[in-house]
């Protein structure tokens, strides 16, 4: 894989988050996330991490539910927007610009980690490193919720293959300009071997868009 490929994802999203038009479609939290948050053990005292928070739609929602929220993203424009919104709403958030593969948090720091449409932006090695970090910062029994790209996604196998199951659309002016990793159900289960899967559901959001939706509990050491 060309090292230049791995640096393009956060750059593309940083460009998008810099404008109101780019942020417009990413301001409302997912209903699935709200449903899981409402069922978390520990309730309003839970410590939550929004990994790859973007412009903060979920981090702000978690804080509004009373959780103690940290949020991280590689996009400085995204974090700046979340900081302004949190101040406007009077919500306490701990915000960091950082990488998803090297989380600046102590071991077992969180009861809940959310990473929605984030960790598949890279090769399989990147994804495994992200999951290892998620496992590390979650307490035993803590809940992970996130998404992965399914091999039934219409774009799987298209473009330039830069690593196993990882493709780049060089001619695409949008999201596919950077690496995307795809998996099937067997591979998803293997990736989350350190977790007890509570739910692994394949969702076809559009005819060309298919994700795995994951809810899992971190196993004890």
N, C-alpha and C. Protein backbone atom coordinates (compact mmCIF):
# COMPACT_ATOMS: atom_id res chain seq x y z
N UNK A 1 0.84 -1.20 0.00
CA UNK A 1 0.00 0.00 0.00
C UNK A 1 0.87 1.25 0.00
N UNK A 2 0.55 2.20 -0.85
CA UNK A 2 1.25 3.47 -0.89
C UNK A 2 0.98 4.23 0.41
N UNK A 3 2.02 4.65 1.16
CA UNK A 3 1.81 5.36 2.41
C UNK A 3 0.94 6.61 2.26
N UNK A 4 0.93 7.18 1.05
CA UNK A 4 0.12 8.37 0.84
C UNK A 4 -1.37 8.07 0.96
N UNK A 5 -1.77 6.83 0.68
CA UNK A 5 -3.18 6.47 0.75
C UNK A 5 -3.72 6.57 2.17
N UNK A 6 -2.91 6.19 3.15
CA UNK A 6 -3.40 6.09 4.51
C UNK A 6 -3.65 7.44 5.15
N UNK A 7 -3.12 8.52 4.56
CA UNK A 7 -3.25 9.84 5.16
C UNK A 7 -4.43 10.64 4.60
N UNK A 8 -5.14 10.07 3.64
CA UNK A 8 -6.13 10.88 2.93
C UNK A 8 -7.47 10.94 3.63
N UNK A 9 -7.82 9.96 4.47
CA UNK A 9 -9.16 9.91 5.05
C UNK A 9 -9.44 11.12 5.92
N UNK A 10 -8.59 11.38 6.91
CA UNK A 10 -8.88 12.50 7.81
C UNK A 10 -8.77 13.83 7.09
N UNK A 11 -7.92 13.91 6.06
CA UNK A 11 -7.80 15.14 5.30
C UNK A 11 -9.09 15.44 4.54
N UNK A 12 -9.67 14.38 3.96
CA UNK A 12 -10.92 14.56 3.21
C UNK A 12 -12.05 15.00 4.13
N UNK A 13 -12.15 14.36 5.31
CA UNK A 13 -13.22 14.73 6.24
C UNK A 13 -12.96 16.10 6.86
N UNK A 14 -11.73 16.46 7.10
CA UNK A 14 -11.42 17.79 7.63
C UNK A 14 -11.89 18.87 6.66
N UNK A 15 -11.68 18.62 5.38
CA UNK A 15 -12.15 19.57 4.36
C UNK A 15 -13.68 19.67 4.39
N UNK A 16 -14.35 18.54 4.53
CA UNK A 16 -15.81 18.54 4.56
C UNK A 16 -16.34 19.27 5.79
N UNK A 17 -15.73 19.03 6.95
CA UNK A 17 -16.23 19.64 8.19
C UNK A 17 -15.96 21.14 8.26
N UNK A 18 -15.17 21.68 7.35
CA UNK A 18 -14.82 23.11 7.40
C UNK A 18 -15.93 24.02 6.93
N UNK A 19 -16.98 23.48 6.30
CA UNK A 19 -18.06 24.31 5.77
C UNK A 19 -19.42 23.86 6.32
N UNK A 20 -20.35 24.80 6.38
CA UNK A 20 -21.70 24.48 6.84
C UNK A 20 -22.37 23.47 5.91
N UNK A 21 -22.17 23.60 4.62
CA UNK A 21 -22.76 22.64 3.67
C UNK A 21 -22.19 21.24 3.90
N UNK A 22 -20.89 21.16 4.16
CA UNK A 22 -20.27 19.86 4.39
C UNK A 22 -20.75 19.20 5.67
N UNK A 23 -21.10 19.99 6.66
CA UNK A 23 -21.56 19.46 7.94
C UNK A 23 -23.04 19.12 7.95
N UNK A 24 -23.80 19.66 7.02
CA UNK A 24 -25.26 19.66 7.10
C UNK A 24 -25.87 18.27 7.25
N UNK A 25 -25.33 17.27 6.56
CA UNK A 25 -25.93 15.93 6.58
C UNK A 25 -25.46 15.09 7.77
N UNK A 26 -24.65 15.68 8.67
CA UNK A 26 -24.02 14.90 9.73
C UNK A 26 -24.29 15.49 11.12
N UNK A 27 -25.47 16.05 11.29
CA UNK A 27 -25.78 16.74 12.54
C UNK A 27 -26.77 16.00 13.42
N UNK A 28 -27.50 15.02 12.88
CA UNK A 28 -28.52 14.31 13.64
C UNK A 28 -28.01 12.95 14.10
N UNK A 29 -28.17 12.60 15.37
CA UNK A 29 -27.71 11.29 15.86
C UNK A 29 -28.55 10.15 15.31
N UNK A 30 -27.95 8.98 15.20
CA UNK A 30 -28.64 7.78 14.75
C UNK A 30 -29.56 7.25 15.86
N UNK A 31 -30.76 6.83 15.48
CA UNK A 31 -31.71 6.30 16.46
C UNK A 31 -31.16 5.08 17.18
N UNK A 32 -30.38 4.24 16.47
CA UNK A 32 -29.79 3.05 17.09
C UNK A 32 -28.85 3.42 18.24
N UNK A 33 -28.11 4.50 18.05
CA UNK A 33 -27.19 4.95 19.09
C UNK A 33 -27.97 5.40 20.31
N UNK A 34 -29.00 6.17 20.11
CA UNK A 34 -29.82 6.65 21.22
C UNK A 34 -30.42 5.48 21.98
N UNK A 35 -30.87 4.44 21.25
CA UNK A 35 -31.48 3.28 21.90
C UNK A 35 -30.48 2.55 22.78
N UNK A 36 -29.25 2.37 22.32
CA UNK A 36 -28.24 1.69 23.12
C UNK A 36 -27.84 2.53 24.32
N UNK A 37 -27.70 3.82 24.12
CA UNK A 37 -27.33 4.71 25.22
C UNK A 37 -28.36 4.64 26.34
N UNK A 38 -29.62 4.57 25.98
CA UNK A 38 -30.68 4.51 26.99
C UNK A 38 -30.67 3.21 27.79
N UNK A 39 -29.96 2.17 27.29
CA UNK A 39 -29.93 0.89 27.99
C UNK A 39 -28.58 0.59 28.63
N UNK A 40 -27.68 1.56 28.65
CA UNK A 40 -26.33 1.32 29.19
C UNK A 40 -26.35 1.05 30.69
N UNK A 41 -25.56 0.06 31.14
CA UNK A 41 -25.39 -0.10 32.58
C UNK A 41 -24.65 1.11 33.14
N UNK A 42 -25.06 1.56 34.27
CA UNK A 42 -24.45 2.76 34.85
C UNK A 42 -25.22 4.02 34.55
N UNK A 43 -26.12 3.95 33.55
CA UNK A 43 -26.99 5.06 33.24
C UNK A 43 -26.25 6.37 33.06
N UNK A 44 -26.70 7.38 33.77
CA UNK A 44 -26.17 8.72 33.59
C UNK A 44 -24.77 8.91 34.15
N UNK A 45 -24.27 7.93 34.87
CA UNK A 45 -22.90 8.04 35.37
C UNK A 45 -21.88 7.38 34.44
N UNK A 46 -22.35 6.84 33.33
CA UNK A 46 -21.45 6.13 32.42
C UNK A 46 -20.44 7.08 31.79
N UNK A 47 -19.25 6.56 31.60
CA UNK A 47 -18.19 7.30 30.91
C UNK A 47 -18.16 6.84 29.46
N UNK A 48 -18.28 7.78 28.53
CA UNK A 48 -18.44 7.45 27.11
C UNK A 48 -17.36 8.10 26.27
N UNK A 49 -16.96 7.37 25.22
CA UNK A 49 -16.02 7.90 24.23
C UNK A 49 -16.66 7.83 22.85
N UNK A 50 -16.70 8.97 22.16
CA UNK A 50 -17.11 9.01 20.76
C UNK A 50 -15.84 9.06 19.93
N UNK A 51 -15.48 7.92 19.36
CA UNK A 51 -14.24 7.77 18.60
C UNK A 51 -14.52 8.09 17.13
N UNK A 52 -13.91 9.17 16.64
CA UNK A 52 -14.22 9.65 15.30
C UNK A 52 -15.51 10.44 15.33
N UNK A 53 -15.54 11.44 16.19
CA UNK A 53 -16.80 12.14 16.49
C UNK A 53 -17.28 13.04 15.37
N UNK A 54 -16.41 13.34 14.38
CA UNK A 54 -16.83 14.23 13.30
C UNK A 54 -17.23 15.59 13.83
N UNK A 55 -18.46 16.00 13.53
CA UNK A 55 -18.95 17.31 14.00
C UNK A 55 -19.80 17.17 15.25
N UNK A 56 -19.75 16.00 15.89
CA UNK A 56 -20.26 15.87 17.24
C UNK A 56 -21.71 15.48 17.41
N UNK A 57 -22.35 14.97 16.37
CA UNK A 57 -23.77 14.67 16.49
C UNK A 57 -24.04 13.68 17.63
N UNK A 58 -23.16 12.68 17.79
CA UNK A 58 -23.37 11.70 18.85
C UNK A 58 -22.76 12.15 20.18
N UNK A 59 -21.61 12.78 20.14
CA UNK A 59 -20.99 13.25 21.39
C UNK A 59 -21.92 14.22 22.11
N UNK A 60 -22.52 15.13 21.38
CA UNK A 60 -23.44 16.10 21.97
C UNK A 60 -24.69 15.41 22.50
N UNK A 61 -25.17 14.42 21.76
CA UNK A 61 -26.34 13.66 22.19
C UNK A 61 -26.04 12.90 23.49
N UNK A 62 -24.88 12.27 23.56
CA UNK A 62 -24.50 11.53 24.77
C UNK A 62 -24.43 12.47 25.97
N UNK A 63 -23.83 13.63 25.76
CA UNK A 63 -23.73 14.60 26.85
C UNK A 63 -25.11 15.09 27.28
N UNK A 64 -26.01 15.27 26.33
CA UNK A 64 -27.37 15.69 26.67
C UNK A 64 -28.10 14.62 27.48
N UNK A 65 -27.70 13.36 27.31
CA UNK A 65 -28.28 12.27 28.11
C UNK A 65 -27.62 12.16 29.49
N UNK A 66 -26.65 13.02 29.75
CA UNK A 66 -26.05 13.06 31.07
C UNK A 66 -24.79 12.22 31.23
N UNK A 67 -24.30 11.60 30.15
CA UNK A 67 -23.08 10.81 30.25
C UNK A 67 -21.87 11.73 30.34
N UNK A 68 -20.80 11.20 30.90
CA UNK A 68 -19.52 11.92 30.96
C UNK A 68 -18.77 11.58 29.67
N UNK A 69 -18.66 12.55 28.78
CA UNK A 69 -18.29 12.27 27.39
C UNK A 69 -16.91 12.82 27.04
N UNK A 70 -16.09 11.95 26.43
CA UNK A 70 -14.87 12.35 25.74
C UNK A 70 -15.10 12.09 24.26
N UNK A 71 -14.46 12.90 23.42
CA UNK A 71 -14.61 12.73 21.97
C UNK A 71 -13.28 13.02 21.29
N UNK A 72 -12.99 12.23 20.26
CA UNK A 72 -11.73 12.38 19.55
C UNK A 72 -11.98 12.28 18.05
N UNK A 73 -11.26 13.08 17.29
CA UNK A 73 -11.31 13.01 15.84
C UNK A 73 -10.00 13.56 15.30
N UNK A 74 -9.61 13.08 14.11
CA UNK A 74 -8.38 13.57 13.49
C UNK A 74 -8.59 14.91 12.78
N UNK A 75 -9.85 15.33 12.66
CA UNK A 75 -10.18 16.58 11.99
C UNK A 75 -10.22 17.74 12.98
N UNK A 76 -9.35 18.70 12.82
CA UNK A 76 -9.36 19.87 13.70
C UNK A 76 -10.60 20.73 13.46
N UNK A 77 -11.06 20.80 12.19
CA UNK A 77 -12.28 21.55 11.90
C UNK A 77 -13.49 20.92 12.59
N UNK A 78 -13.54 19.59 12.59
CA UNK A 78 -14.64 18.90 13.27
C UNK A 78 -14.64 19.18 14.76
N UNK A 79 -13.47 19.05 15.39
CA UNK A 79 -13.36 19.28 16.83
C UNK A 79 -13.69 20.74 17.18
N UNK A 80 -13.25 21.66 16.35
CA UNK A 80 -13.56 23.08 16.60
C UNK A 80 -15.07 23.31 16.58
N UNK A 81 -15.76 22.68 15.64
CA UNK A 81 -17.22 22.84 15.57
C UNK A 81 -17.90 22.25 16.80
N UNK A 82 -17.46 21.05 17.20
CA UNK A 82 -18.05 20.42 18.38
C UNK A 82 -17.82 21.30 19.61
N UNK A 83 -16.64 21.87 19.74
CA UNK A 83 -16.34 22.72 20.89
C UNK A 83 -17.28 23.93 20.93
N UNK A 84 -17.52 24.54 19.79
CA UNK A 84 -18.42 25.69 19.75
C UNK A 84 -19.85 25.28 20.10
N UNK A 85 -20.29 24.15 19.56
CA UNK A 85 -21.66 23.68 19.83
C UNK A 85 -21.84 23.30 21.30
N UNK A 86 -20.84 22.65 21.86
CA UNK A 86 -20.92 22.26 23.27
C UNK A 86 -21.01 23.49 24.16
N UNK A 87 -20.23 24.52 23.84
CA UNK A 87 -20.27 25.76 24.62
C UNK A 87 -21.63 26.43 24.46
N UNK A 88 -22.16 26.44 23.25
CA UNK A 88 -23.45 27.08 23.01
C UNK A 88 -24.56 26.39 23.79
N UNK A 89 -24.47 25.05 23.91
CA UNK A 89 -25.51 24.29 24.61
C UNK A 89 -25.23 24.11 26.09
N UNK A 90 -24.07 24.57 26.54
CA UNK A 90 -23.71 24.40 27.94
C UNK A 90 -23.44 22.96 28.33
N UNK A 91 -22.83 22.19 27.42
CA UNK A 91 -22.56 20.78 27.67
C UNK A 91 -21.08 20.55 27.93
N UNK A 92 -20.73 19.82 28.98
CA UNK A 92 -19.32 19.53 29.26
C UNK A 92 -18.82 18.38 28.40
N UNK A 93 -17.83 18.65 27.55
CA UNK A 93 -17.21 17.62 26.71
C UNK A 93 -15.69 17.74 26.83
N UNK A 94 -15.01 16.60 26.83
CA UNK A 94 -13.56 16.57 26.74
C UNK A 94 -13.19 16.22 25.30
N UNK A 95 -12.56 17.16 24.60
CA UNK A 95 -12.32 17.02 23.16
C UNK A 95 -10.84 16.96 22.84
N UNK A 96 -10.48 16.06 21.93
CA UNK A 96 -9.08 15.87 21.55
C UNK A 96 -8.99 15.67 20.04
N UNK A 97 -7.99 16.30 19.42
CA UNK A 97 -7.61 15.98 18.05
C UNK A 97 -6.58 14.87 18.13
N UNK A 98 -6.89 13.72 17.53
CA UNK A 98 -5.97 12.59 17.62
C UNK A 98 -6.32 11.47 16.68
N UNK A 99 -5.49 10.43 16.67
CA UNK A 99 -5.63 9.31 15.75
C UNK A 99 -6.42 8.17 16.37
N UNK A 100 -7.21 7.50 15.55
CA UNK A 100 -8.03 6.39 16.04
C UNK A 100 -7.21 5.15 16.37
N UNK A 101 -5.98 5.10 15.88
CA UNK A 101 -5.13 3.94 16.14
C UNK A 101 -4.24 4.10 17.37
N UNK A 102 -4.29 5.26 18.01
CA UNK A 102 -3.43 5.52 19.18
C UNK A 102 -4.19 6.44 20.13
N UNK A 103 -5.12 5.87 20.87
CA UNK A 103 -6.02 6.66 21.70
C UNK A 103 -5.32 7.17 22.96
N UNK A 104 -5.43 8.46 23.26
CA UNK A 104 -4.72 9.04 24.40
C UNK A 104 -5.50 8.92 25.71
N UNK A 105 -5.96 7.70 26.00
CA UNK A 105 -6.76 7.47 27.20
C UNK A 105 -6.20 6.27 27.95
N UNK A 106 -6.42 6.27 29.25
CA UNK A 106 -5.90 5.18 30.07
C UNK A 106 -6.70 3.90 29.82
N UNK A 107 -6.12 2.79 30.19
CA UNK A 107 -6.76 1.49 30.07
C UNK A 107 -8.03 1.43 30.93
N UNK A 108 -9.09 0.83 30.36
CA UNK A 108 -10.37 0.65 31.06
C UNK A 108 -10.99 1.97 31.51
N UNK A 109 -10.83 3.01 30.70
CA UNK A 109 -11.31 4.34 31.08
C UNK A 109 -12.80 4.53 30.85
N UNK A 110 -13.42 3.70 29.97
CA UNK A 110 -14.78 3.99 29.53
C UNK A 110 -15.73 2.80 29.73
N UNK A 111 -16.99 3.17 29.96
CA UNK A 111 -18.07 2.19 30.03
C UNK A 111 -18.68 1.92 28.66
N UNK A 112 -18.50 2.87 27.75
CA UNK A 112 -19.14 2.80 26.42
C UNK A 112 -18.25 3.49 25.41
N UNK A 113 -17.97 2.82 24.30
CA UNK A 113 -17.24 3.43 23.18
C UNK A 113 -18.11 3.32 21.94
N UNK A 114 -18.29 4.44 21.28
CA UNK A 114 -19.04 4.51 20.03
C UNK A 114 -18.08 4.89 18.91
N UNK A 115 -18.17 4.20 17.78
CA UNK A 115 -17.38 4.59 16.61
C UNK A 115 -18.22 4.30 15.36
N UNK A 116 -18.95 5.31 14.93
CA UNK A 116 -19.96 5.14 13.87
C UNK A 116 -19.38 5.56 12.52
N UNK A 117 -19.26 4.58 11.60
CA UNK A 117 -18.74 4.84 10.25
C UNK A 117 -17.33 5.44 10.28
N UNK A 118 -16.46 4.81 11.07
CA UNK A 118 -15.12 5.38 11.27
C UNK A 118 -14.00 4.39 11.01
N UNK A 119 -13.95 3.28 11.76
CA UNK A 119 -12.71 2.51 11.85
C UNK A 119 -12.40 1.70 10.60
N UNK A 120 -13.32 1.63 9.64
CA UNK A 120 -13.02 0.91 8.39
C UNK A 120 -12.29 1.79 7.37
N UNK A 121 -11.94 3.01 7.74
CA UNK A 121 -11.19 3.88 6.83
C UNK A 121 -9.70 3.57 6.94
N UNK A 122 -9.29 2.49 6.30
CA UNK A 122 -7.90 2.06 6.33
C UNK A 122 -7.81 0.60 5.95
N UNK A 123 -6.65 0.02 6.07
CA UNK A 123 -6.44 -1.40 5.77
C UNK A 123 -6.92 -2.26 6.93
N UNK A 124 -6.87 -3.58 6.73
CA UNK A 124 -7.20 -4.49 7.80
C UNK A 124 -6.31 -4.30 9.01
N UNK A 125 -5.04 -3.99 8.79
CA UNK A 125 -4.13 -3.75 9.92
C UNK A 125 -4.55 -2.53 10.71
N UNK A 126 -5.01 -1.49 10.01
CA UNK A 126 -5.50 -0.29 10.69
C UNK A 126 -6.75 -0.63 11.52
N UNK A 127 -7.66 -1.38 10.92
CA UNK A 127 -8.89 -1.76 11.62
C UNK A 127 -8.57 -2.57 12.87
N UNK A 128 -7.67 -3.53 12.76
CA UNK A 128 -7.31 -4.35 13.92
C UNK A 128 -6.66 -3.51 15.02
N UNK A 129 -5.84 -2.54 14.63
CA UNK A 129 -5.22 -1.66 15.62
C UNK A 129 -6.29 -0.83 16.33
N UNK A 130 -7.27 -0.33 15.57
CA UNK A 130 -8.36 0.44 16.18
C UNK A 130 -9.15 -0.41 17.17
N UNK A 131 -9.48 -1.63 16.78
CA UNK A 131 -10.26 -2.50 17.66
C UNK A 131 -9.46 -2.86 18.90
N UNK A 132 -8.15 -3.06 18.75
CA UNK A 132 -7.29 -3.32 19.91
C UNK A 132 -7.31 -2.14 20.88
N UNK A 133 -7.28 -0.93 20.35
CA UNK A 133 -7.33 0.26 21.19
C UNK A 133 -8.70 0.42 21.86
N UNK A 134 -9.76 0.13 21.12
CA UNK A 134 -11.10 0.17 21.71
C UNK A 134 -11.19 -0.82 22.87
N UNK A 135 -10.69 -2.03 22.65
CA UNK A 135 -10.69 -3.06 23.69
C UNK A 135 -9.91 -2.59 24.92
N UNK A 136 -8.80 -1.92 24.68
CA UNK A 136 -7.95 -1.46 25.78
C UNK A 136 -8.65 -0.41 26.63
N UNK A 137 -9.30 0.56 25.99
CA UNK A 137 -9.86 1.68 26.76
C UNK A 137 -11.23 1.37 27.36
N UNK A 138 -11.85 0.27 26.93
CA UNK A 138 -13.12 -0.15 27.52
C UNK A 138 -12.86 -0.96 28.79
N UNK A 139 -13.66 -0.75 29.80
CA UNK A 139 -13.57 -1.59 30.99
C UNK A 139 -14.17 -2.96 30.67
N UNK A 140 -13.76 -4.03 31.36
CA UNK A 140 -14.43 -5.33 31.19
C UNK A 140 -15.93 -5.20 31.43
N UNK A 141 -16.71 -5.69 30.51
CA UNK A 141 -18.16 -5.54 30.60
C UNK A 141 -18.68 -4.29 29.93
N UNK A 142 -17.76 -3.40 29.49
CA UNK A 142 -18.16 -2.18 28.80
C UNK A 142 -18.70 -2.49 27.41
N UNK A 143 -19.45 -1.55 26.86
CA UNK A 143 -20.16 -1.76 25.61
C UNK A 143 -19.51 -0.98 24.47
N UNK A 144 -19.31 -1.68 23.35
CA UNK A 144 -18.86 -1.05 22.10
C UNK A 144 -20.01 -1.05 21.11
N UNK A 145 -20.18 0.05 20.40
CA UNK A 145 -21.16 0.13 19.32
C UNK A 145 -20.51 0.79 18.12
N UNK A 146 -20.69 0.18 16.94
CA UNK A 146 -20.08 0.76 15.75
C UNK A 146 -20.54 0.09 14.48
N UNK A 147 -19.89 0.45 13.39
CA UNK A 147 -20.25 -0.07 12.07
C UNK A 147 -19.00 -0.51 11.31
N UNK A 148 -19.21 -1.46 10.41
CA UNK A 148 -18.18 -1.91 9.48
C UNK A 148 -18.80 -2.00 8.09
N UNK A 149 -17.98 -1.89 7.06
CA UNK A 149 -18.48 -2.04 5.70
C UNK A 149 -18.63 -3.52 5.35
N UNK A 150 -19.77 -3.87 4.78
CA UNK A 150 -20.03 -5.24 4.34
C UNK A 150 -19.49 -5.47 2.93
N UNK A 151 -19.10 -6.70 2.66
CA UNK A 151 -18.69 -7.06 1.31
C UNK A 151 -19.87 -7.07 0.34
N UNK A 152 -21.08 -6.95 0.86
CA UNK A 152 -22.24 -6.80 -0.02
C UNK A 152 -22.46 -5.35 -0.43
N UNK A 153 -21.63 -4.47 0.10
CA UNK A 153 -21.67 -3.08 -0.34
C UNK A 153 -21.38 -3.03 -1.84
N UNK A 154 -22.09 -2.18 -2.54
CA UNK A 154 -21.98 -2.12 -3.99
C UNK A 154 -20.57 -1.77 -4.46
N UNK A 155 -19.79 -1.09 -3.63
CA UNK A 155 -18.46 -0.66 -4.05
C UNK A 155 -17.35 -1.63 -3.68
N UNK A 156 -17.68 -2.72 -3.01
CA UNK A 156 -16.64 -3.70 -2.69
C UNK A 156 -16.06 -4.27 -3.99
N UNK A 157 -14.74 -4.30 -4.09
CA UNK A 157 -14.07 -4.83 -5.26
C UNK A 157 -13.86 -3.83 -6.37
N UNK A 158 -14.35 -2.62 -6.20
CA UNK A 158 -14.18 -1.60 -7.24
C UNK A 158 -12.98 -0.71 -6.92
N UNK A 159 -12.38 -0.17 -7.98
CA UNK A 159 -11.26 0.73 -7.81
C UNK A 159 -9.95 -0.01 -7.66
N UNK A 160 -9.01 0.62 -6.98
CA UNK A 160 -7.65 0.09 -6.82
C UNK A 160 -7.54 -0.62 -5.48
N UNK A 161 -7.15 -1.90 -5.51
CA UNK A 161 -6.95 -2.64 -4.28
C UNK A 161 -5.58 -2.30 -3.71
N UNK A 162 -5.55 -1.75 -2.48
CA UNK A 162 -4.30 -1.32 -1.87
C UNK A 162 -3.84 -2.26 -0.78
N UNK A 163 -4.72 -3.19 -0.36
CA UNK A 163 -4.42 -4.20 0.65
C UNK A 163 -5.58 -5.18 0.61
N UNK A 164 -5.46 -6.35 1.25
CA UNK A 164 -6.57 -7.30 1.23
C UNK A 164 -7.88 -6.65 1.69
N UNK A 165 -8.92 -6.82 0.86
CA UNK A 165 -10.27 -6.31 1.15
C UNK A 165 -10.32 -4.79 1.31
N UNK A 166 -9.34 -4.10 0.77
CA UNK A 166 -9.25 -2.64 0.93
C UNK A 166 -9.10 -1.98 -0.44
N UNK A 167 -9.98 -1.01 -0.71
CA UNK A 167 -10.03 -0.41 -2.04
C UNK A 167 -10.09 1.10 -1.97
N UNK A 168 -9.52 1.72 -3.03
CA UNK A 168 -9.53 3.17 -3.19
C UNK A 168 -10.12 3.49 -4.55
N UNK A 169 -11.02 4.47 -4.58
CA UNK A 169 -11.60 4.95 -5.83
C UNK A 169 -10.86 6.22 -6.24
N UNK A 170 -9.81 6.07 -7.06
CA UNK A 170 -8.99 7.23 -7.41
C UNK A 170 -9.76 8.29 -8.17
N UNK A 171 -10.77 7.88 -8.93
CA UNK A 171 -11.52 8.83 -9.75
C UNK A 171 -12.68 9.46 -9.01
N UNK A 172 -12.91 9.04 -7.78
CA UNK A 172 -14.06 9.53 -7.00
C UNK A 172 -13.72 10.86 -6.35
N UNK A 173 -14.64 11.81 -6.44
CA UNK A 173 -14.43 13.11 -5.82
C UNK A 173 -14.94 13.15 -4.38
N UNK A 174 -15.47 12.03 -3.88
CA UNK A 174 -16.06 12.04 -2.55
C UNK A 174 -15.36 11.10 -1.60
N UNK A 175 -16.16 10.30 -0.88
CA UNK A 175 -15.69 9.49 0.24
C UNK A 175 -14.74 8.38 -0.17
N UNK A 176 -14.79 7.93 -1.41
CA UNK A 176 -14.00 6.76 -1.81
C UNK A 176 -12.59 7.10 -2.27
N UNK A 177 -12.18 8.33 -2.11
CA UNK A 177 -10.81 8.69 -2.50
C UNK A 177 -9.78 8.11 -1.55
N UNK A 178 -10.22 7.64 -0.38
CA UNK A 178 -9.30 7.10 0.60
C UNK A 178 -9.65 5.64 0.90
N UNK A 179 -8.76 4.88 1.53
CA UNK A 179 -8.95 3.43 1.69
C UNK A 179 -10.18 3.07 2.51
N UNK A 180 -10.88 2.04 2.06
CA UNK A 180 -12.02 1.48 2.78
C UNK A 180 -11.85 -0.03 2.87
N UNK A 181 -12.03 -0.55 4.08
CA UNK A 181 -11.89 -1.98 4.34
C UNK A 181 -13.27 -2.61 4.46
N UNK A 182 -13.45 -3.77 3.83
CA UNK A 182 -14.74 -4.47 3.82
C UNK A 182 -14.57 -5.86 4.45
N UNK A 183 -15.64 -6.38 5.06
CA UNK A 183 -15.56 -7.71 5.65
C UNK A 183 -16.90 -8.42 5.54
N UNK A 184 -16.86 -9.75 5.66
CA UNK A 184 -18.09 -10.53 5.75
C UNK A 184 -18.34 -10.84 7.22
N UNK A 185 -19.40 -11.60 7.52
CA UNK A 185 -19.77 -11.84 8.91
C UNK A 185 -18.71 -12.66 9.65
N UNK A 186 -18.12 -13.64 8.98
CA UNK A 186 -17.08 -14.47 9.62
C UNK A 186 -15.89 -13.60 10.00
N UNK A 187 -15.49 -12.73 9.09
CA UNK A 187 -14.35 -11.85 9.35
C UNK A 187 -14.68 -10.84 10.45
N UNK A 188 -15.91 -10.36 10.48
CA UNK A 188 -16.31 -9.42 11.53
C UNK A 188 -16.22 -10.07 12.90
N UNK A 189 -16.69 -11.30 12.99
CA UNK A 189 -16.62 -12.03 14.27
C UNK A 189 -15.16 -12.21 14.69
N UNK A 190 -14.30 -12.53 13.74
CA UNK A 190 -12.87 -12.71 14.05
C UNK A 190 -12.24 -11.39 14.52
N UNK A 191 -12.60 -10.29 13.88
CA UNK A 191 -12.05 -9.00 14.25
C UNK A 191 -12.39 -8.64 15.70
N UNK A 192 -13.59 -9.02 16.13
CA UNK A 192 -14.06 -8.68 17.48
C UNK A 192 -13.95 -9.88 18.42
N UNK A 193 -12.86 -10.63 18.27
CA UNK A 193 -12.66 -11.85 19.07
C UNK A 193 -12.56 -11.55 20.55
N UNK A 194 -12.14 -10.36 20.94
CA UNK A 194 -12.03 -10.01 22.35
C UNK A 194 -13.31 -9.49 22.96
N UNK A 195 -14.40 -9.61 22.21
CA UNK A 195 -15.70 -9.11 22.65
C UNK A 195 -16.75 -10.21 22.56
N UNK A 196 -17.78 -10.07 23.37
CA UNK A 196 -18.97 -10.90 23.21
C UNK A 196 -19.97 -10.10 22.37
N UNK A 197 -20.28 -10.63 21.18
CA UNK A 197 -21.19 -9.91 20.29
C UNK A 197 -22.62 -9.99 20.81
N UNK A 198 -23.20 -8.85 21.08
CA UNK A 198 -24.61 -8.79 21.46
C UNK A 198 -25.50 -8.69 20.23
N UNK A 199 -24.97 -8.04 19.19
CA UNK A 199 -25.73 -7.89 17.95
C UNK A 199 -24.76 -7.66 16.80
N UNK A 200 -24.96 -8.40 15.71
CA UNK A 200 -24.22 -8.19 14.46
C UNK A 200 -25.24 -8.25 13.34
N UNK A 201 -25.64 -7.10 12.86
CA UNK A 201 -26.74 -7.02 11.89
C UNK A 201 -26.27 -6.33 10.62
N UNK A 202 -26.57 -6.94 9.49
CA UNK A 202 -26.24 -6.34 8.20
C UNK A 202 -27.40 -5.46 7.75
N UNK A 203 -27.09 -4.20 7.49
CA UNK A 203 -28.13 -3.24 7.12
C UNK A 203 -27.84 -2.67 5.73
N UNK A 204 -28.84 -2.76 4.85
CA UNK A 204 -28.75 -2.17 3.52
C UNK A 204 -29.46 -0.82 3.58
N UNK A 205 -28.68 0.26 3.79
CA UNK A 205 -29.28 1.58 3.92
C UNK A 205 -29.80 2.10 2.59
N UNK A 206 -29.07 1.81 1.51
CA UNK A 206 -29.47 2.15 0.15
C UNK A 206 -29.07 0.98 -0.72
N UNK A 207 -29.53 0.92 -1.98
CA UNK A 207 -29.12 -0.20 -2.85
C UNK A 207 -27.61 -0.34 -3.00
N UNK A 208 -26.87 0.76 -2.81
CA UNK A 208 -25.41 0.71 -2.99
C UNK A 208 -24.64 0.83 -1.68
N UNK A 209 -25.33 0.75 -0.53
CA UNK A 209 -24.69 1.04 0.74
C UNK A 209 -25.08 0.00 1.78
N UNK A 210 -24.11 -0.81 2.23
CA UNK A 210 -24.41 -1.90 3.15
C UNK A 210 -23.35 -1.94 4.25
N UNK A 211 -23.82 -1.91 5.52
CA UNK A 211 -22.93 -1.92 6.67
C UNK A 211 -23.29 -3.05 7.64
N UNK A 212 -22.29 -3.47 8.41
CA UNK A 212 -22.52 -4.28 9.60
C UNK A 212 -22.71 -3.32 10.77
N UNK A 213 -23.76 -3.53 11.54
CA UNK A 213 -23.98 -2.76 12.76
C UNK A 213 -23.66 -3.66 13.94
N UNK A 214 -22.71 -3.21 14.76
CA UNK A 214 -22.13 -4.04 15.82
C UNK A 214 -22.44 -3.45 17.18
N UNK A 215 -22.93 -4.30 18.09
CA UNK A 215 -22.99 -3.98 19.51
C UNK A 215 -22.32 -5.13 20.24
N UNK A 216 -21.33 -4.84 21.06
CA UNK A 216 -20.55 -5.90 21.70
C UNK A 216 -20.11 -5.49 23.09
N UNK A 217 -19.89 -6.49 23.93
CA UNK A 217 -19.41 -6.27 25.29
C UNK A 217 -17.96 -6.74 25.39
N UNK A 218 -17.13 -5.92 26.00
CA UNK A 218 -15.72 -6.29 26.15
C UNK A 218 -15.61 -7.44 27.13
N UNK A 219 -14.94 -8.52 26.70
CA UNK A 219 -14.73 -9.68 27.56
C UNK A 219 -13.74 -9.35 28.67
N UNK A 220 -13.83 -10.06 29.76
CA UNK A 220 -12.85 -9.91 30.82
C UNK A 220 -11.51 -10.45 30.37
N UNK A 221 -10.41 -9.97 30.95
CA UNK A 221 -9.07 -10.46 30.56
C UNK A 221 -8.95 -11.96 30.71
